[in-house]
Amino acid sequence: MKTLFNSRQFHKALAPWLFLPLLISSITGLLYRVSKDLLGYSREQVHWLMSLHEGEWLGDNGELIYVILNSIGVLWMLVTGFQMFSKTISFTKKVTKGESKG
């Protein structure tokens, strides 16, 4: 029985919705850590980056939803991406008709 959506279709459908939130989270998280630890900025000076990173600007309920959806989105992209990857990579060499295994 064929499923309605395969992993490639799910990945393709969800990717545009996750792109911007994940991009914002990854860039602001990286900039926060680099600014604070390597460039010596104080926590207060770079708090605006963490506010963007965590979705604090969406309010208490929005922040929770933003973090949960971002986390689920990352996990979903990893699972569907791995499924697509594993389908394209053959872990065992297939023998074509007329070839010997040795």
PDB file of N, CA and C in Angstrom:
ATOM      1  N   MET A   1       0.839  -1.187   0.000  1.00  0.00           N
ATOM      2  CA  MET A   1       0.000   0.000   0.000  1.00  0.00           C
ATOM      3  C   MET A   1       0.881   1.246   0.000  1.00  0.00           C
ATOM      4  N   LYS A   2       0.638   2.122  -0.914  1.00  0.00           N
ATOM      5  CA  LYS A   2       1.446   3.340  -1.030  1.00  0.00           C
ATOM      6  C   LYS A   2       0.910   4.400  -0.072  1.00  0.00           C
ATOM      7  N   THR A   3       1.825   5.043   0.647  1.00  0.00           N
ATOM      8  CA  THR A   3       1.407   6.088   1.578  1.00  0.00           C
ATOM      9  C   THR A   3       1.085   7.365   0.822  1.00  0.00           C
ATOM     10  N   LEU A   4       0.292   8.211   1.449  1.00  0.00           N
ATOM     11  CA  LEU A   4      -0.118   9.459   0.819  1.00  0.00           C
ATOM     12  C   LEU A   4       1.086  10.355   0.542  1.00  0.00           C
ATOM     13  N   PHE A   5       1.948  10.485   1.517  1.00  0.00           N
ATOM     14  CA  PHE A   5       3.161  11.277   1.366  1.00  0.00           C
ATOM     15  C   PHE A   5       4.359  10.414   1.701  1.00  0.00           C
ATOM     16  N   ASN A   6       5.410  10.525   0.935  1.00  0.00           N
ATOM     17  CA  ASN A   6       6.641   9.876   1.335  1.00  0.00           C
ATOM     18  C   ASN A   6       7.541  10.908   2.009  1.00  0.00           C
ATOM     19  N   SER A   7       8.665  10.493   2.516  1.00  0.00           N
ATOM     20  CA  SER A   7       9.534  11.397   3.269  1.00  0.00           C
ATOM     21  C   SER A   7      10.007  12.573   2.416  1.00  0.00           C
ATOM     22  N   ARG A   8      10.226  12.345   1.150  1.00  0.00           N
ATOM     23  CA  ARG A   8      10.674  13.432   0.270  1.00  0.00           C
ATOM     24  C   ARG A   8       9.594  14.509   0.146  1.00  0.00           C
ATOM     25  N   GLN A   9       8.349  14.099   0.020  1.00  0.00           N
ATOM     26  CA  GLN A   9       7.259  15.060  -0.092  1.00  0.00           C
ATOM     27  C   GLN A   9       7.064  15.831   1.210  1.00  0.00           C
ATOM     28  N   PHE A  10       7.155  15.135   2.352  1.00  0.00           N
ATOM     29  CA  PHE A  10       7.049  15.810   3.643  1.00  0.00           C
ATOM     30  C   PHE A  10       8.178  16.817   3.814  1.00  0.00           C
ATOM     31  N   HIS A  11       9.378  16.409   3.471  1.00  0.00           N
ATOM     32  CA  HIS A  11      10.551  17.268   3.594  1.00  0.00           C
ATOM     33  C   HIS A  11      10.375  18.516   2.725  1.00  0.00           C
ATOM     34  N   LYS A  12       9.949  18.295   1.492  1.00  0.00           N
ATOM     35  CA  LYS A  12       9.766  19.398   0.548  1.00  0.00           C
ATOM     36  C   LYS A  12       8.651  20.343   0.996  1.00  0.00           C
ATOM     37  N   ALA A  13       7.581  19.798   1.564  1.00  0.00           N
ATOM     38  CA  ALA A  13       6.449  20.624   2.002  1.00  0.00           C
ATOM     39  C   ALA A  13       6.786  21.443   3.243  1.00  0.00           C
ATOM     40  N   LEU A  14       7.577  20.892   4.142  1.00  0.00           N
ATOM     41  CA  LEU A  14       7.859  21.556   5.409  1.00  0.00           C
ATOM     42  C   LEU A  14       9.058  22.506   5.334  1.00  0.00           C
ATOM     43  N   ALA A  15       9.992  22.233   4.462  1.00  0.00           N
ATOM     44  CA  ALA A  15      11.235  23.013   4.383  1.00  0.00           C
ATOM     45  C   ALA A  15      11.031  24.520   4.220  1.00  0.00           C
ATOM     46  N   PRO A  16      10.151  24.984   3.338  1.00  0.00           N
ATOM     47  CA  PRO A  16       9.991  26.441   3.204  1.00  0.00           C
ATOM     48  C   PRO A  16       9.475  27.117   4.476  1.00  0.00           C
ATOM     49  N   TRP A  17       8.665  26.414   5.252  1.00  0.00           N
ATOM     50  CA  TRP A  17       8.114  26.972   6.485  1.00  0.00           C
ATOM     51  C   TRP A  17       9.151  27.010   7.597  1.00  0.00           C
ATOM     52  N   LEU A  18      10.119  26.109   7.545  1.00  0.00           N
ATOM     53  CA  LEU A  18      11.128  26.022   8.600  1.00  0.00           C
ATOM     54  C   LEU A  18      12.390  26.814   8.282  1.00  0.00           C
ATOM     55  N   PHE A  19      12.575  27.154   7.043  1.00  0.00           N
ATOM     56  CA  PHE A  19      13.828  27.794   6.638  1.00  0.00           C
ATOM     57  C   PHE A  19      14.138  29.057   7.430  1.00  0.00           C
ATOM     58  N   LEU A  20      13.241  30.020   7.431  1.00  0.00           N
ATOM     59  CA  LEU A  20      13.508  31.293   8.096  1.00  0.00           C
ATOM     60  C   LEU A  20      13.662  31.160   9.616  1.00  0.00           C
ATOM     61  N   PRO A  21      12.749  30.475  10.314  1.00  0.00           N
ATOM     62  CA  PRO A  21      12.944  30.335  11.762  1.00  0.00           C
ATOM     63  C   PRO A  21      14.245  29.614  12.135  1.00  0.00           C
ATOM     64  N   LEU A  22      14.593  28.581  11.391  1.00  0.00           N
ATOM     65  CA  LEU A  22      15.834  27.860  11.697  1.00  0.00           C
ATOM     66  C   LEU A  22      17.063  28.689  11.340  1.00  0.00           C
ATOM     67  N   LEU A  23      16.986  29.447  10.270  1.00  0.00           N
ATOM     68  CA  LEU A  23      18.090  30.330   9.898  1.00  0.00           C
ATOM     69  C   LEU A  23      18.303  31.395  10.971  1.00  0.00           C
ATOM     70  N   ILE A  24      17.214  32.012  11.416  1.00  0.00           N
ATOM     71  CA  ILE A  24      17.311  33.032  12.464  1.00  0.00           C
ATOM     72  C   ILE A  24      17.894  32.435  13.738  1.00  0.00           C
ATOM     73  N   SER A  25      17.394  31.267  14.140  1.00  0.00           N
ATOM     74  CA  SER A  25      17.885  30.633  15.370  1.00  0.00           C
ATOM     75  C   SER A  25      19.360  30.254  15.282  1.00  0.00           C
ATOM     76  N   SER A  26      19.765  29.708  14.155  1.00  0.00           N
ATOM     77  CA  SER A  26      21.165  29.290  14.042  1.00  0.00           C
ATOM     78  C   SER A  26      22.121  30.481  13.992  1.00  0.00           C
ATOM     79  N   ILE A  27      21.757  31.509  13.247  1.00  0.00           N
ATOM     80  CA  ILE A  27      22.641  32.680  13.133  1.00  0.00           C
ATOM     81  C   ILE A  27      22.707  33.446  14.455  1.00  0.00           C
ATOM     82  N   THR A  28      21.558  33.685  15.084  1.00  0.00           N
ATOM     83  CA  THR A  28      21.566  34.442  16.340  1.00  0.00           C
ATOM     84  C   THR A  28      22.228  33.649  17.463  1.00  0.00           C
ATOM     85  N   GLY A  29      22.049  32.337  17.483  1.00  0.00           N
ATOM     86  CA  GLY A  29      22.717  31.509  18.491  1.00  0.00           C
ATOM     87  C   GLY A  29      24.228  31.550  18.330  1.00  0.00           C
ATOM     88  N   LEU A  30      24.686  31.459  17.096  1.00  0.00           N
ATOM     89  CA  LEU A  30      26.123  31.528  16.816  1.00  0.00           C
ATOM     90  C   LEU A  30      26.686  32.901  17.162  1.00  0.00           C
ATOM     91  N   LEU A  31      26.004  33.959  16.718  1.00  0.00           N
ATOM     92  CA  LEU A  31      26.482  35.316  17.006  1.00  0.00           C
ATOM     93  C   LEU A  31      26.505  35.610  18.506  1.00  0.00           C
ATOM     94  N   TYR A  32      25.496  35.116  19.218  1.00  0.00           N
ATOM     95  CA  TYR A  32      25.453  35.313  20.670  1.00  0.00           C
ATOM     96  C   TYR A  32      26.674  34.677  21.331  1.00  0.00           C
ATOM     97  N   ARG A  33      26.931  33.421  20.992  1.00  0.00           N
ATOM     98  CA  ARG A  33      28.033  32.699  21.629  1.00  0.00           C
ATOM     99  C   ARG A  33      29.380  33.299  21.266  1.00  0.00           C
ATOM    100  N   VAL A  34      29.577  33.648  20.006  1.00  0.00           N
ATOM    101  CA  VAL A  34      30.843  34.238  19.566  1.00  0.00           C
ATOM    102  C   VAL A  34      31.036  35.615  20.205  1.00  0.00           C
ATOM    103  N   SER A  35      29.979  36.430  20.206  1.00  0.00           N
ATOM    104  CA  SER A  35      30.075  37.780  20.784  1.00  0.00           C
ATOM    105  C   SER A  35      30.388  37.729  22.270  1.00  0.00           C
ATOM    106  N   LYS A  36      29.740  36.830  22.971  1.00  0.00           N
ATOM    107  CA  LYS A  36      29.898  36.747  24.421  1.00  0.00           C
ATOM    108  C   LYS A  36      31.232  36.104  24.807  1.00  0.00           C
ATOM    109  N   ASP A  37      31.555  34.994  24.206  1.00  0.00           N
ATOM    110  CA  ASP A  37      32.734  34.235  24.627  1.00  0.00           C
ATOM    111  C   ASP A  37      34.036  34.673  23.961  1.00  0.00           C
ATOM    112  N   LEU A  38      33.989  35.003  22.701  1.00  0.00           N
ATOM    113  CA  LEU A  38      35.226  35.344  22.005  1.00  0.00           C
ATOM    114  C   LEU A  38      35.487  36.840  21.919  1.00  0.00           C
ATOM    115  N   LEU A  39      34.425  37.623  21.795  1.00  0.00           N
ATOM    116  CA  LEU A  39      34.608  39.064  21.637  1.00  0.00           C
ATOM    117  C   LEU A  39      34.472  39.827  22.953  1.00  0.00           C
ATOM    118  N   GLY A  40      34.055  39.129  24.004  1.00  0.00           N
ATOM    119  CA  GLY A  40      34.028  39.721  25.334  1.00  0.00           C
ATOM    120  C   GLY A  40      32.853  40.620  25.659  1.00  0.00           C
ATOM    121  N   TYR A  41      31.780  40.559  24.861  1.00  0.00           N
ATOM    122  CA  TYR A  41      30.601  41.362  25.186  1.00  0.00           C
ATOM    123  C   TYR A  41      29.912  40.784  26.418  1.00  0.00           C
ATOM    124  N   SER A  42      29.261  41.647  27.176  1.00  0.00           N
ATOM    125  CA  SER A  42      28.538  41.172  28.361  1.00  0.00           C
ATOM    126  C   SER A  42      27.209  40.562  27.927  1.00  0.00           C
ATOM    127  N   ARG A  43      26.618  39.819  28.848  1.00  0.00           N
ATOM    128  CA  ARG A  43      25.333  39.192  28.582  1.00  0.00           C
ATOM    129  C   ARG A  43      24.257  40.233  28.247  1.00  0.00           C
ATOM    130  N   GLU A  44      24.306  41.345  28.924  1.00  0.00           N
ATOM    131  CA  GLU A  44      23.329  42.407  28.688  1.00  0.00           C
ATOM    132  C   GLU A  44      23.493  43.030  27.298  1.00  0.00           C
ATOM    133  N   GLN A  45      24.739  43.136  26.841  1.00  0.00           N
ATOM    134  CA  GLN A  45      24.995  43.748  25.540  1.00  0.00           C
ATOM    135  C   GLN A  45      24.470  42.901  24.377  1.00  0.00           C
ATOM    136  N   VAL A  46      24.444  41.606  24.553  1.00  0.00           N
ATOM    137  CA  VAL A  46      24.025  40.722  23.456  1.00  0.00           C
ATOM    138  C   VAL A  46      22.708  40.000  23.750  1.00  0.00           C
ATOM    139  N   HIS A  47      21.994  40.480  24.766  1.00  0.00           N
ATOM    140  CA  HIS A  47      20.720  39.844  25.108  1.00  0.00           C
ATOM    141  C   HIS A  47      19.715  39.908  23.953  1.00  0.00           C
ATOM    142  N   TRP A  48      19.777  40.947  23.142  1.00  0.00           N
ATOM    143  CA  TRP A  48      18.862  41.065  22.014  1.00  0.00           C
ATOM    144  C   TRP A  48      19.008  39.898  21.043  1.00  0.00           C
ATOM    145  N   LEU A  49      20.236  39.365  20.929  1.00  0.00           N
ATOM    146  CA  LEU A  49      20.443  38.193  20.074  1.00  0.00           C
ATOM    147  C   LEU A  49      19.735  36.970  20.654  1.00  0.00           C
ATOM    148  N   MET A  50      19.830  36.804  21.967  1.00  0.00           N
ATOM    149  CA  MET A  50      19.168  35.673  22.602  1.00  0.00           C
ATOM    150  C   MET A  50      17.644  35.823  22.528  1.00  0.00           C
ATOM    151  N   SER A  51      17.167  37.058  22.587  1.00  0.00           N
ATOM    152  CA  SER A  51      15.729  37.296  22.450  1.00  0.00           C
ATOM    153  C   SER A  51      15.233  36.859  21.077  1.00  0.00           C
ATOM    154  N   LEU A  52      15.990  37.150  20.047  1.00  0.00           N
ATOM    155  CA  LEU A  52      15.651  36.692  18.697  1.00  0.00           C
ATOM    156  C   LEU A  52      15.765  35.174  18.589  1.00  0.00           C
ATOM    157  N   HIS A  53      16.832  34.645  19.156  1.00  0.00           N
ATOM    158  CA  HIS A  53      17.122  33.215  19.092  1.00  0.00           C
ATOM    159  C   HIS A  53      15.999  32.378  19.694  1.00  0.00           C
ATOM    160  N   GLU A  54      15.480  32.816  20.820  1.00  0.00           N
ATOM    161  CA  GLU A  54      14.460  32.045  21.539  1.00  0.00           C
ATOM    162  C   GLU A  54      13.033  32.444  21.177  1.00  0.00           C
ATOM    163  N   GLY A  55      12.853  33.462  20.354  1.00  0.00           N
ATOM    164  CA  GLY A  55      11.518  33.910  20.004  1.00  0.00           C
ATOM    165  C   GLY A  55      10.842  34.685  21.117  1.00  0.00           C
ATOM    166  N   GLU A  56      11.647  35.279  21.977  1.00  0.00           N
ATOM    167  CA  GLU A  56      11.131  36.046  23.119  1.00  0.00           C
ATOM    168  C   GLU A  56      10.228  37.194  22.668  1.00  0.00           C
ATOM    169  N   TRP A  57      10.474  37.726  21.503  1.00  0.00           N
ATOM    170  CA  TRP A  57       9.713  38.840  20.952  1.00  0.00           C
ATOM    171  C   TRP A  57       8.269  38.454  20.623  1.00  0.00           C
ATOM    172  N   LEU A  58       7.953  37.145  20.678  1.00  0.00           N
ATOM    173  CA  LEU A  58       6.597  36.681  20.394  1.00  0.00           C
ATOM    174  C   LEU A  58       5.718  36.614  21.641  1.00  0.00           C
ATOM    175  N   GLY A  59       6.268  36.968  22.788  1.00  0.00           N
ATOM    176  CA  GLY A  59       5.524  36.869  24.040  1.00  0.00           C
ATOM    177  C   GLY A  59       5.705  35.488  24.663  1.00  0.00           C
ATOM    178  N   ASP A  60       5.178  35.304  25.872  1.00  0.00           N
ATOM    179  CA  ASP A  60       5.387  34.045  26.595  1.00  0.00           C
ATOM    180  C   ASP A  60       4.856  32.823  25.844  1.00  0.00           C
ATOM    181  N   ASN A  61       3.605  32.881  25.400  1.00  0.00           N
ATOM    182  CA  ASN A  61       3.033  31.735  24.680  1.00  0.00           C
ATOM    183  C   ASN A  61       3.688  31.553  23.314  1.00  0.00           C
ATOM    184  N   GLY A  62       3.938  32.656  22.634  1.00  0.00           N
ATOM    185  CA  GLY A  62       4.577  32.587  21.321  1.00  0.00           C
ATOM    186  C   GLY A  62       5.982  32.029  21.393  1.00  0.00           C
ATOM    187  N   GLU A  63       6.712  32.400  22.435  1.00  0.00           N
ATOM    188  CA  GLU A  63       8.076  31.895  22.622  1.00  0.00           C
ATOM    189  C   GLU A  63       8.067  30.380  22.792  1.00  0.00           C
ATOM    190  N   LEU A  64       7.162  29.885  23.611  1.00  0.00           N
ATOM    191  CA  LEU A  64       7.064  28.439  23.832  1.00  0.00           C
ATOM    192  C   LEU A  64       6.728  27.710  22.541  1.00  0.00           C
ATOM    193  N   ILE A  65       5.763  28.226  21.811  1.00  0.00           N
ATOM    194  CA  ILE A  65       5.365  27.606  20.548  1.00  0.00           C
ATOM    195  C   ILE A  65       6.512  27.651  19.543  1.00  0.00           C
ATOM    196  N   TYR A  66       7.206  28.787  19.470  1.00  0.00           N
ATOM    197  CA  TYR A  66       8.338  28.966  18.552  1.00  0.00           C
ATOM    198  C   TYR A  66       9.439  27.931  18.835  1.00  0.00           C
ATOM    199  N   VAL A  67       9.787  27.779  20.094  1.00  0.00           N
ATOM    200  CA  VAL A  67      10.852  26.841  20.471  1.00  0.00           C
ATOM    201  C   VAL A  67      10.428  25.403  20.191  1.00  0.00           C
ATOM    202  N   ILE A  68       9.200  25.058  20.546  1.00  0.00           N
ATOM    203  CA  ILE A  68       8.717  23.694  20.309  1.00  0.00           C
ATOM    204  C   ILE A  68       8.669  23.384  18.819  1.00  0.00           C
ATOM    205  N   LEU A  69       8.100  24.296  18.030  1.00  0.00           N
ATOM    206  CA  LEU A  69       8.012  24.049  16.591  1.00  0.00           C
ATOM    207  C   LEU A  69       9.384  24.016  15.923  1.00  0.00           C
ATOM    208  N   ASN A  70      10.296  24.863  16.381  1.00  0.00           N
ATOM    209  CA  ASN A  70      11.664  24.825  15.841  1.00  0.00           C
ATOM    210  C   ASN A  70      12.316  23.476  16.135  1.00  0.00           C
ATOM    211  N   SER A  71      12.153  23.002  17.351  1.00  0.00           N
ATOM    212  CA  SER A  71      12.752  21.722  17.741  1.00  0.00           C
ATOM    213  C   SER A  71      12.157  20.562  16.955  1.00  0.00           C
ATOM    214  N   ILE A  72      10.843  20.534  16.862  1.00  0.00           N
ATOM    215  CA  ILE A  72      10.190  19.479  16.089  1.00  0.00           C
ATOM    216  C   ILE A  72      10.594  19.575  14.618  1.00  0.00           C
ATOM    217  N   GLY A  73      10.698  20.797  14.118  1.00  0.00           N
ATOM    218  CA  GLY A  73      11.096  21.000  12.730  1.00  0.00           C
ATOM    219  C   GLY A  73      12.495  20.472  12.440  1.00  0.00           C
ATOM    220  N   VAL A  74      13.425  20.748  13.329  1.00  0.00           N
ATOM    221  CA  VAL A  74      14.795  20.245  13.146  1.00  0.00           C
ATOM    222  C   VAL A  74      14.795  18.718  13.163  1.00  0.00           C
ATOM    223  N   LEU A  75      14.114  18.144  14.122  1.00  0.00           N
ATOM    224  CA  LEU A  75      14.059  16.682  14.202  1.00  0.00           C
ATOM    225  C   LEU A  75      13.405  16.084  12.961  1.00  0.00           C
ATOM    226  N   TRP A  76      12.322  16.706  12.517  1.00  0.00           N
ATOM    227  CA  TRP A  76      11.629  16.203  11.320  1.00  0.00           C
ATOM    228  C   TRP A  76      12.531  16.284  10.089  1.00  0.00           C
ATOM    229  N   MET A  77      13.217  17.387   9.914  1.00  0.00           N
ATOM    230  CA  MET A  77      14.110  17.534   8.767  1.00  0.00           C
ATOM    231  C   MET A  77      15.252  16.516   8.827  1.00  0.00           C
ATOM    232  N   LEU A  78      15.759  16.246  10.038  1.00  0.00           N
ATOM    233  CA  LEU A  78      16.812  15.246  10.184  1.00  0.00           C
ATOM    234  C   LEU A  78      16.309  13.854   9.824  1.00  0.00           C
ATOM    235  N   VAL A  79      15.131  13.491  10.309  1.00  0.00           N
ATOM    236  CA  VAL A  79      14.577  12.163  10.040  1.00  0.00           C
ATOM    237  C   VAL A  79      14.283  11.992   8.557  1.00  0.00           C
ATOM    238  N   THR A  80      13.558  12.938   7.964  1.00  0.00           N
ATOM    239  CA  THR A  80      13.219  12.796   6.547  1.00  0.00           C
ATOM    240  C   THR A  80      14.458  12.927   5.662  1.00  0.00           C
ATOM    241  N   GLY A  81      15.389  13.781   6.059  1.00  0.00           N
ATOM    242  CA  GLY A  81      16.640  13.903   5.309  1.00  0.00           C
ATOM    243  C   GLY A  81      17.446  12.616   5.350  1.00  0.00           C
ATOM    244  N   PHE A  82      17.496  11.989   6.527  1.00  0.00           N
ATOM    245  CA  PHE A  82      18.220  10.716   6.640  1.00  0.00           C
ATOM    246  C   PHE A  82      17.528   9.632   5.829  1.00  0.00           C
ATOM    247  N   GLN A  83      16.198   9.619   5.831  1.00  0.00           N
ATOM    248  CA  GLN A  83      15.473   8.630   5.038  1.00  0.00           C
ATOM    249  C   GLN A  83      15.774   8.792   3.558  1.00  0.00           C
ATOM    250  N   MET A  84      15.800  10.023   3.083  1.00  0.00           N
ATOM    251  CA  MET A  84      16.126  10.253   1.668  1.00  0.00           C
ATOM    252  C   MET A  84      17.564   9.857   1.380  1.00  0.00           C
ATOM    253  N   PHE A  85      18.456  10.196   2.299  1.00  0.00           N
ATOM    254  CA  PHE A  85      19.870   9.861   2.125  1.00  0.00           C
ATOM    255  C   PHE A  85      20.070   8.356   2.084  1.00  0.00           C
ATOM    256  N   SER A  86      19.414   7.651   2.997  1.00  0.00           N
ATOM    257  CA  SER A  86      19.603   6.203   3.066  1.00  0.00           C
ATOM    258  C   SER A  86      19.038   5.498   1.843  1.00  0.00           C
ATOM    259  N   LYS A  87      18.038   6.101   1.199  1.00  0.00           N
ATOM    260  CA  LYS A  87      17.484   5.510  -0.028  1.00  0.00           C
ATOM    261  C   LYS A  87      18.419   5.706  -1.213  1.00  0.00           C
ATOM    262  N   THR A  88      19.230   6.764  -1.185  1.00  0.00           N
ATOM    263  CA  THR A  88      20.126   7.029  -2.319  1.00  0.00           C
ATOM    264  C   THR A  88      21.459   6.316  -2.185  1.00  0.00           C
ATOM    265  N   ILE A  89      21.833   5.974  -0.965  1.00  0.00           N
ATOM    266  CA  ILE A  89      23.104   5.292  -0.724  1.00  0.00           C
ATOM    267  C   ILE A  89      22.828   3.817  -0.497  1.00  0.00           C
ATOM    268  N   SER A  90      23.453   3.007  -1.286  1.00  0.00           N
ATOM    269  CA  SER A  90      23.283   1.569  -1.124  1.00  0.00           C
ATOM    270  C   SER A  90      24.389   1.055  -0.207  1.00  0.00           C
ATOM    271  N   PHE A  91      23.981   0.432   0.886  1.00  0.00           N
ATOM    272  CA  PHE A  91      24.962  -0.099   1.824  1.00  0.00           C
ATOM    273  C   PHE A  91      25.482  -1.466   1.406  1.00  0.00           C
ATOM    274  N   THR A  92      24.803  -2.105   0.486  1.00  0.00           N
ATOM    275  CA  THR A  92      25.263  -3.385  -0.039  1.00  0.00           C
ATOM    276  C   THR A  92      25.351  -3.270  -1.548  1.00  0.00           C
ATOM    277  N   LYS A  93      26.374  -3.871  -2.110  1.00  0.00           N
ATOM    278  CA  LYS A  93      26.548  -3.824  -3.553  1.00  0.00           C
ATOM    279  C   LYS A  93      25.545  -4.761  -4.206  1.00  0.00           C
ATOM    280  N   LYS A  94      24.769  -4.212  -5.123  1.00  0.00           N
ATOM    281  CA  LYS A  94      23.786  -5.028  -5.830  1.00  0.00           C
ATOM    282  C   LYS A  94      24.469  -5.715  -6.999  1.00  0.00           C
ATOM    283  N   VAL A  95      24.106  -6.976  -7.196  1.00  0.00           N
ATOM    284  CA  VAL A  95      24.674  -7.749  -8.285  1.00  0.00           C
ATOM    285  C   VAL A  95      23.697  -7.711  -9.451  1.00  0.00           C
ATOM    286  N   THR A  96      24.194  -7.274 -10.611  1.00  0.00           N
ATOM    287  CA  THR A  96      23.330  -7.252 -11.790  1.00  0.00           C
ATOM    288  C   THR A  96      23.296  -8.626 -12.420  1.00  0.00           C
ATOM    289  N   LYS A  97      22.295  -8.833 -13.211  1.00  0.00           N
ATOM    290  CA  LYS A  97      22.113 -10.135 -13.851  1.00  0.00           C
ATOM    291  C   LYS A  97      23.330 -10.476 -14.696  1.00  0.00           C
ATOM    292  N   GLY A  98      23.853 -11.661 -14.516  1.00  0.00           N
ATOM    293  CA  GLY A  98      25.002 -12.117 -15.297  1.00  0.00           C
ATOM    294  C   GLY A  98      26.342 -11.878 -14.610  1.00  0.00           C
ATOM    295  N   GLU A  99      26.370 -11.100 -13.533  1.00  0.00           N
ATOM    296  CA  GLU A  99      27.617 -10.866 -12.804  1.00  0.00           C
ATOM    297  C   GLU A  99      27.762 -11.879 -11.693  1.00  0.00           C
ATOM    298  N   SER A 100      29.001 -12.174 -11.383  1.00  0.00           N
ATOM    299  CA  SER A 100      29.234 -13.047 -10.237  1.00  0.00           C
ATOM    300  C   SER A 100      29.516 -12.210  -9.014  1.00  0.00           C
ATOM    301  N   LYS A 101      29.254 -12.763  -7.833  1.00  0.00           N
ATOM    302  CA  LYS A 101      29.474 -12.024  -6.584  1.00  0.00           C
ATOM    303  C   LYS A 101      30.938 -11.958  -6.224  1.00  0.00           C
ATOM    304  N   GLY A 102      31.741 -12.815  -6.715  1.00  0.00           N
ATOM    305  CA  GLY A 102      33.146 -12.862  -6.315  1.00  0.00           C
ATOM    306  C   GLY A 102      33.965 -12.028  -7.168  1.00  0.00           C
TER     307      GLY A 102
END
